[in-house]
Amino acid sequence: MYKNKNGGFSLLELIVVIAIMAVLGGIVIGNSNYSKSAQVKKYTELTDGFMRKARTEIMSKSTVSGVCLYEKEGCYYIESYKEKENGGTVTFETVKREKLGKPHGVEISAAKQDGTGEKTLRDNAGDSLSTFIRIGYDRSTGAVSKFCVNTEDTSDLTYTKITFKKGENSKCIEINPATGKHQQK
């Protein structure tokens, strides 16, 4: 009797292969979401820690006046700065700068307490900064004395949120202007 030796797969073999692919697909998707949330968390924690340290230095009467968050040449940075006034013109001089990292799809924005007026950081070209988040603190109380978003904006203390977002993952630093204290949410 002639036996057909067709090299097909049995139903059991197909089920095993599909199950293995489903498990591997779940691992890949899980790691992708973890990676997105890990970047958002990293940038939020670095910014939060830098802001806390700068506020403490300001209240201890150091030369620091505030913090500035911006994107330059494809990287996010946060810096503490001191203000200098010369003939009515205020200039900002960097005291300490820390590189947060490349955006990798993470957007950083500032918004008002009610969520309106959201402005997203964009990469700055050249030597000047045109898109940034600058927070100045009062030396005696630590309260927020200015919250500027971009060069065309004047100090607006209704801005109280800095949001770090990648896809559906987001974290926020909420700032209390009256005290200068902030917390992650």
C-alpha atoms as a PDB file:
ATOM      1  CA  MET A   1       0.000   0.000   0.000  1.00  0.00           C
ATOM      2  CA  TYR A   2       1.279   3.454  -0.903  1.00  0.00           C
ATOM      3  CA  LYS A   3       1.515   5.894   2.038  1.00  0.00           C
ATOM      4  CA  ASN A   4       1.265   9.659   1.336  1.00  0.00           C
ATOM      5  CA  LYS A   5       4.307  11.374   2.833  1.00  0.00           C
ATOM      6  CA  ASN A   6       3.048  14.922   2.542  1.00  0.00           C
ATOM      7  CA  GLY A   7       5.190  16.973   4.942  1.00  0.00           C
ATOM      8  CA  GLY A   8       2.285  18.996   6.432  1.00  0.00           C
ATOM      9  CA  PHE A   9       1.826  19.987  10.063  1.00  0.00           C
ATOM     10  CA  SER A  10      -0.580  18.336  12.422  1.00  0.00           C
ATOM     11  CA  LEU A  11      -3.187  20.391  14.254  1.00  0.00           C
ATOM     12  CA  LEU A  12      -1.329  19.855  17.526  1.00  0.00           C
ATOM     13  CA  GLU A  13       1.926  21.206  16.082  1.00  0.00           C
ATOM     14  CA  LEU A  14       0.145  24.328  14.777  1.00  0.00           C
ATOM     15  CA  ILE A  15      -1.452  24.991  18.161  1.00  0.00           C
ATOM     16  CA  VAL A  16       1.917  24.690  19.935  1.00  0.00           C
ATOM     17  CA  VAL A  17       3.608  27.112  17.484  1.00  0.00           C
ATOM     18  CA  ILE A  18       0.758  29.660  17.791  1.00  0.00           C
ATOM     19  CA  ALA A  19       0.904  29.465  21.600  1.00  0.00           C
ATOM     20  CA  ILE A  20       4.671  30.057  21.602  1.00  0.00           C
ATOM     21  CA  MET A  21       4.275  33.042  19.253  1.00  0.00           C
ATOM     22  CA  ALA A  22       1.530  34.515  21.471  1.00  0.00           C
ATOM     23  CA  VAL A  23       3.755  34.274  24.561  1.00  0.00           C
ATOM     24  CA  LEU A  24       6.712  35.870  22.750  1.00  0.00           C
ATOM     25  CA  GLY A  25       4.454  38.619  21.364  1.00  0.00           C
ATOM     26  CA  GLY A  26       3.177  39.361  24.872  1.00  0.00           C
ATOM     27  CA  ILE A  27       6.729  39.684  26.164  1.00  0.00           C
ATOM     28  CA  VAL A  28       7.690  42.088  23.373  1.00  0.00           C
ATOM     29  CA  ILE A  29       4.597  44.266  23.879  1.00  0.00           C
ATOM     30  CA  GLY A  30       5.063  44.247  27.656  1.00  0.00           C
ATOM     31  CA  ASN A  31       8.696  45.329  27.332  1.00  0.00           C
ATOM     32  CA  SER A  32       7.722  48.064  24.880  1.00  0.00           C
ATOM     33  CA  ASN A  33       5.208  49.570  27.341  1.00  0.00           C
ATOM     34  CA  TYR A  34       7.710  49.221  30.174  1.00  0.00           C
ATOM     35  CA  SER A  35      10.341  51.010  28.093  1.00  0.00           C
ATOM     36  CA  LYS A  36       7.955  53.893  27.352  1.00  0.00           C
ATOM     37  CA  SER A  37       6.964  54.319  30.984  1.00  0.00           C
ATOM     38  CA  ALA A  38      10.583  53.938  32.148  1.00  0.00           C
ATOM     39  CA  GLN A  39      11.740  56.884  30.005  1.00  0.00           C
ATOM     40  CA  VAL A  40       8.875  59.078  31.166  1.00  0.00           C
ATOM     41  CA  LYS A  41       9.598  58.134  34.781  1.00  0.00           C
ATOM     42  CA  LYS A  42      13.343  58.773  34.383  1.00  0.00           C
ATOM     43  CA  TYR A  43      12.893  62.271  32.919  1.00  0.00           C
ATOM     44  CA  THR A  44      10.277  63.159  35.548  1.00  0.00           C
ATOM     45  CA  GLU A  45      12.445  62.005  38.453  1.00  0.00           C
ATOM     46  CA  LEU A  46      15.593  63.730  37.148  1.00  0.00           C
ATOM     47  CA  THR A  47      13.701  66.998  36.678  1.00  0.00           C
ATOM     48  CA  ASP A  48      11.985  66.702  40.064  1.00  0.00           C
ATOM     49  CA  GLY A  49      15.283  66.091  41.872  1.00  0.00           C
ATOM     50  CA  PHE A  50      17.028  68.933  40.051  1.00  0.00           C
ATOM     51  CA  MET A  51      14.171  71.343  40.891  1.00  0.00           C
ATOM     52  CA  ARG A  52      14.245  70.355  44.583  1.00  0.00           C
ATOM     53  CA  LYS A  53      17.984  70.888  44.803  1.00  0.00           C
ATOM     54  CA  ALA A  54      17.853  74.249  43.010  1.00  0.00           C
ATOM     55  CA  ARG A  55      15.013  75.506  45.245  1.00  0.00           C
ATOM     56  CA  THR A  56      16.997  74.510  48.336  1.00  0.00           C
ATOM     57  CA  GLU A  57      20.093  76.314  47.015  1.00  0.00           C
ATOM     58  CA  ILE A  58      18.045  79.422  46.257  1.00  0.00           C
ATOM     59  CA  MET A  59      16.691  79.575  49.785  1.00  0.00           C
ATOM     60  CA  SER A  60      20.185  79.087  51.199  1.00  0.00           C
ATOM     61  CA  LYS A  61      21.143  82.364  49.489  1.00  0.00           C
ATOM     62  CA  SER A  62      23.354  80.859  46.794  1.00  0.00           C
ATOM     63  CA  THR A  63      23.761  82.549  43.428  1.00  0.00           C
ATOM     64  CA  VAL A  64      21.053  80.377  41.847  1.00  0.00           C
ATOM     65  CA  SER A  65      17.810  82.153  40.820  1.00  0.00           C
ATOM     66  CA  GLY A  66      15.778  79.372  39.201  1.00  0.00           C
ATOM     67  CA  VAL A  67      15.639  76.446  36.782  1.00  0.00           C
ATOM     68  CA  CYS A  68      15.189  76.181  33.030  1.00  0.00           C
ATOM     69  CA  LEU A  69      14.121  73.110  31.052  1.00  0.00           C
ATOM     70  CA  TYR A  70      14.720  72.999  27.283  1.00  0.00           C
ATOM     71  CA  GLU A  71      15.619  70.892  24.258  1.00  0.00           C
ATOM     72  CA  LYS A  72      18.812  71.654  22.333  1.00  0.00           C
ATOM     73  CA  GLU A  73      20.477  69.692  19.525  1.00  0.00           C
ATOM     74  CA  GLY A  74      18.241  66.666  20.020  1.00  0.00           C
ATOM     75  CA  CYS A  75      18.607  66.383  23.832  1.00  0.00           C
ATOM     76  CA  TYR A  76      16.610  67.566  26.820  1.00  0.00           C
ATOM     77  CA  TYR A  77      18.477  69.621  29.425  1.00  0.00           C
ATOM     78  CA  ILE A  78      17.659  71.176  32.763  1.00  0.00           C
ATOM     79  CA  GLU A  79      19.810  73.866  34.289  1.00  0.00           C
ATOM     80  CA  SER A  80      19.945  76.129  37.275  1.00  0.00           C
ATOM     81  CA  TYR A  81      20.672  79.732  36.428  1.00  0.00           C
ATOM     82  CA  LYS A  82      21.401  83.074  37.997  1.00  0.00           C
ATOM     83  CA  GLU A  83      19.981  86.342  36.794  1.00  0.00           C
ATOM     84  CA  LYS A  84      22.136  89.346  36.098  1.00  0.00           C
ATOM     85  CA  GLU A  85      20.762  92.803  35.460  1.00  0.00           C
ATOM     86  CA  ASN A  86      22.795  95.173  33.351  1.00  0.00           C
ATOM     87  CA  GLY A  87      21.296  98.523  32.410  1.00  0.00           C
ATOM     88  CA  GLY A  88      17.717  97.270  32.698  1.00  0.00           C
ATOM     89  CA  THR A  89      18.386  94.125  30.658  1.00  0.00           C
ATOM     90  CA  VAL A  90      18.183  90.793  32.457  1.00  0.00           C
ATOM     91  CA  THR A  91      20.513  88.023  31.313  1.00  0.00           C
ATOM     92  CA  PHE A  92      20.607  84.437  32.488  1.00  0.00           C
ATOM     93  CA  GLU A  93      23.843  82.642  33.279  1.00  0.00           C
ATOM     94  CA  THR A  94      23.997  78.867  33.705  1.00  0.00           C
ATOM     95  CA  VAL A  95      25.166  77.678  37.126  1.00  0.00           C
ATOM     96  CA  LYS A  96      24.711  73.931  36.620  1.00  0.00           C
ATOM     97  CA  ARG A  97      23.396  71.989  33.647  1.00  0.00           C
ATOM     98  CA  GLU A  98      22.293  68.373  33.517  1.00  0.00           C
ATOM     99  CA  LYS A  99      21.480  66.355  30.408  1.00  0.00           C
ATOM    100  CA  LEU A 100      18.228  64.439  30.775  1.00  0.00           C
ATOM    101  CA  GLY A 101      18.679  62.560  27.501  1.00  0.00           C
ATOM    102  CA  LYS A 102      17.385  62.300  23.959  1.00  0.00           C
ATOM    103  CA  PRO A 103      13.628  62.702  23.572  1.00  0.00           C
ATOM    104  CA  HIS A 104      13.024  59.212  22.055  1.00  0.00           C
ATOM    105  CA  GLY A 105       9.397  60.245  21.572  1.00  0.00           C
ATOM    106  CA  VAL A 106       8.968  61.773  25.044  1.00  0.00           C
ATOM    107  CA  GLU A 107       7.291  65.190  24.905  1.00  0.00           C
ATOM    108  CA  ILE A 108       7.711  67.743  27.669  1.00  0.00           C
ATOM    109  CA  SER A 109       5.088  70.449  28.039  1.00  0.00           C
ATOM    110  CA  ALA A 110       3.853  73.078  30.474  1.00  0.00           C
ATOM    111  CA  ALA A 111       0.182  73.754  31.172  1.00  0.00           C
ATOM    112  CA  LYS A 112      -2.004  75.823  33.431  1.00  0.00           C
ATOM    113  CA  GLN A 113      -3.583  74.282  36.494  1.00  0.00           C
ATOM    114  CA  ASP A 114      -6.859  73.658  34.640  1.00  0.00           C
ATOM    115  CA  GLY A 115      -4.949  71.897  31.816  1.00  0.00           C
ATOM    116  CA  THR A 116      -5.302  74.718  29.277  1.00  0.00           C
ATOM    117  CA  GLY A 117      -2.561  76.684  27.549  1.00  0.00           C
ATOM    118  CA  GLU A 118      -0.372  73.628  27.001  1.00  0.00           C
ATOM    119  CA  LYS A 119       2.932  74.449  25.305  1.00  0.00           C
ATOM    120  CA  THR A 120       5.356  71.736  24.214  1.00  0.00           C
ATOM    121  CA  LEU A 121       9.128  72.109  24.166  1.00  0.00           C
ATOM    122  CA  ARG A 122      10.713  72.096  20.722  1.00  0.00           C
ATOM    123  CA  ASP A 123      14.350  71.796  19.710  1.00  0.00           C
ATOM    124  CA  ASN A 124      16.122  75.166  19.826  1.00  0.00           C
ATOM    125  CA  ALA A 125      18.343  76.108  16.908  1.00  0.00           C
ATOM    126  CA  GLY A 126      21.349  78.369  17.214  1.00  0.00           C
ATOM    127  CA  ASP A 127      22.657  79.948  20.385  1.00  0.00           C
ATOM    128  CA  SER A 128      19.428  81.380  21.787  1.00  0.00           C
ATOM    129  CA  LEU A 129      16.522  79.626  23.467  1.00  0.00           C
ATOM    130  CA  SER A 130      13.084  80.328  22.042  1.00  0.00           C
ATOM    131  CA  THR A 131      11.212  77.391  23.541  1.00  0.00           C
ATOM    132  CA  PHE A 132      11.759  76.593  27.220  1.00  0.00           C
ATOM    133  CA  ILE A 133      10.183  76.369  30.668  1.00  0.00           C
ATOM    134  CA  ARG A 134      11.809  78.787  33.150  1.00  0.00           C
ATOM    135  CA  ILE A 135      10.854  78.856  36.826  1.00  0.00           C
ATOM    136  CA  GLY A 136      12.206  81.540  39.150  1.00  0.00           C
ATOM    137  CA  TYR A 137      11.995  81.290  42.937  1.00  0.00           C
ATOM    138  CA  ASP A 138      11.809  83.869  45.724  1.00  0.00           C
ATOM    139  CA  ARG A 139      14.931  83.683  47.913  1.00  0.00           C
ATOM    140  CA  SER A 140      13.174  84.239  51.250  1.00  0.00           C
ATOM    141  CA  THR A 141      10.157  81.925  50.874  1.00  0.00           C
ATOM    142  CA  GLY A 142      10.980  79.571  48.007  1.00  0.00           C
ATOM    143  CA  ALA A 143       7.704  80.555  46.328  1.00  0.00           C
ATOM    144  CA  VAL A 144       7.561  80.715  42.553  1.00  0.00           C
ATOM    145  CA  SER A 145       8.297  84.290  41.482  1.00  0.00           C
ATOM    146  CA  LYS A 146       8.019  83.612  37.745  1.00  0.00           C
ATOM    147  CA  PHE A 147       6.957  80.802  35.456  1.00  0.00           C
ATOM    148  CA  CYS A 148       7.820  81.585  31.857  1.00  0.00           C
ATOM    149  CA  VAL A 149       7.044  79.373  28.903  1.00  0.00           C
ATOM    150  CA  ASN A 150       8.919  80.429  25.757  1.00  0.00           C
ATOM    151  CA  THR A 151      10.368  83.849  25.026  1.00  0.00           C
ATOM    152  CA  GLU A 152       7.152  85.532  23.938  1.00  0.00           C
ATOM    153  CA  ASP A 153       5.403  84.691  27.192  1.00  0.00           C
ATOM    154  CA  THR A 154       5.548  86.917  30.211  1.00  0.00           C
ATOM    155  CA  SER A 155       5.716  85.500  33.693  1.00  0.00           C
ATOM    156  CA  ASP A 156       2.442  83.668  34.241  1.00  0.00           C
ATOM    157  CA  LEU A 157       1.913  82.033  37.619  1.00  0.00           C
ATOM    158  CA  THR A 158      -1.179  80.205  36.331  1.00  0.00           C
ATOM    159  CA  TYR A 159       1.194  77.679  34.735  1.00  0.00           C
ATOM    160  CA  THR A 160       1.686  75.002  37.354  1.00  0.00           C
ATOM    161  CA  LYS A 161       2.228  71.701  35.521  1.00  0.00           C
ATOM    162  CA  ILE A 162       5.148  70.163  33.685  1.00  0.00           C
ATOM    163  CA  THR A 163       4.094  66.991  31.871  1.00  0.00           C
ATOM    164  CA  PHE A 164       6.308  64.234  30.464  1.00  0.00           C
ATOM    165  CA  LYS A 165       4.434  62.118  27.930  1.00  0.00           C
ATOM    166  CA  LYS A 166       5.180  59.255  25.562  1.00  0.00           C
ATOM    167  CA  GLY A 167       2.203  57.648  23.901  1.00  0.00           C
ATOM    168  CA  GLU A 168      -0.350  56.934  26.589  1.00  0.00           C
ATOM    169  CA  ASN A 169       2.239  57.016  29.379  1.00  0.00           C
ATOM    170  CA  SER A 170       2.542  60.318  31.200  1.00  0.00           C
ATOM    171  CA  LYS A 171       3.762  61.767  34.482  1.00  0.00           C
ATOM    172  CA  CYS A 172       3.357  65.261  35.760  1.00  0.00           C
ATOM    173  CA  ILE A 173       5.137  67.592  38.183  1.00  0.00           C
ATOM    174  CA  GLU A 174       2.612  69.916  39.793  1.00  0.00           C
ATOM    175  CA  ILE A 175       4.000  73.091  41.335  1.00  0.00           C
ATOM    176  CA  ASN A 176       2.342  75.146  44.066  1.00  0.00           C
ATOM    177  CA  PRO A 177       3.259  78.746  43.130  1.00  0.00           C
ATOM    178  CA  ALA A 178       2.586  80.047  46.667  1.00  0.00           C
ATOM    179  CA  THR A 179       5.196  77.767  48.249  1.00  0.00           C
ATOM    180  CA  GLY A 180       7.338  76.635  45.329  1.00  0.00           C
ATOM    181  CA  LYS A 181       6.932  73.049  46.475  1.00  0.00           C
ATOM    182  CA  HIS A 182       6.091  70.444  43.870  1.00  0.00           C
ATOM    183  CA  GLN A 183       5.110  66.806  43.600  1.00  0.00           C
ATOM    184  CA  GLN A 184       4.973  64.090  40.984  1.00  0.00           C
ATOM    185  CA  LYS A 185       1.633  62.755  39.871  1.00  0.00           C
END
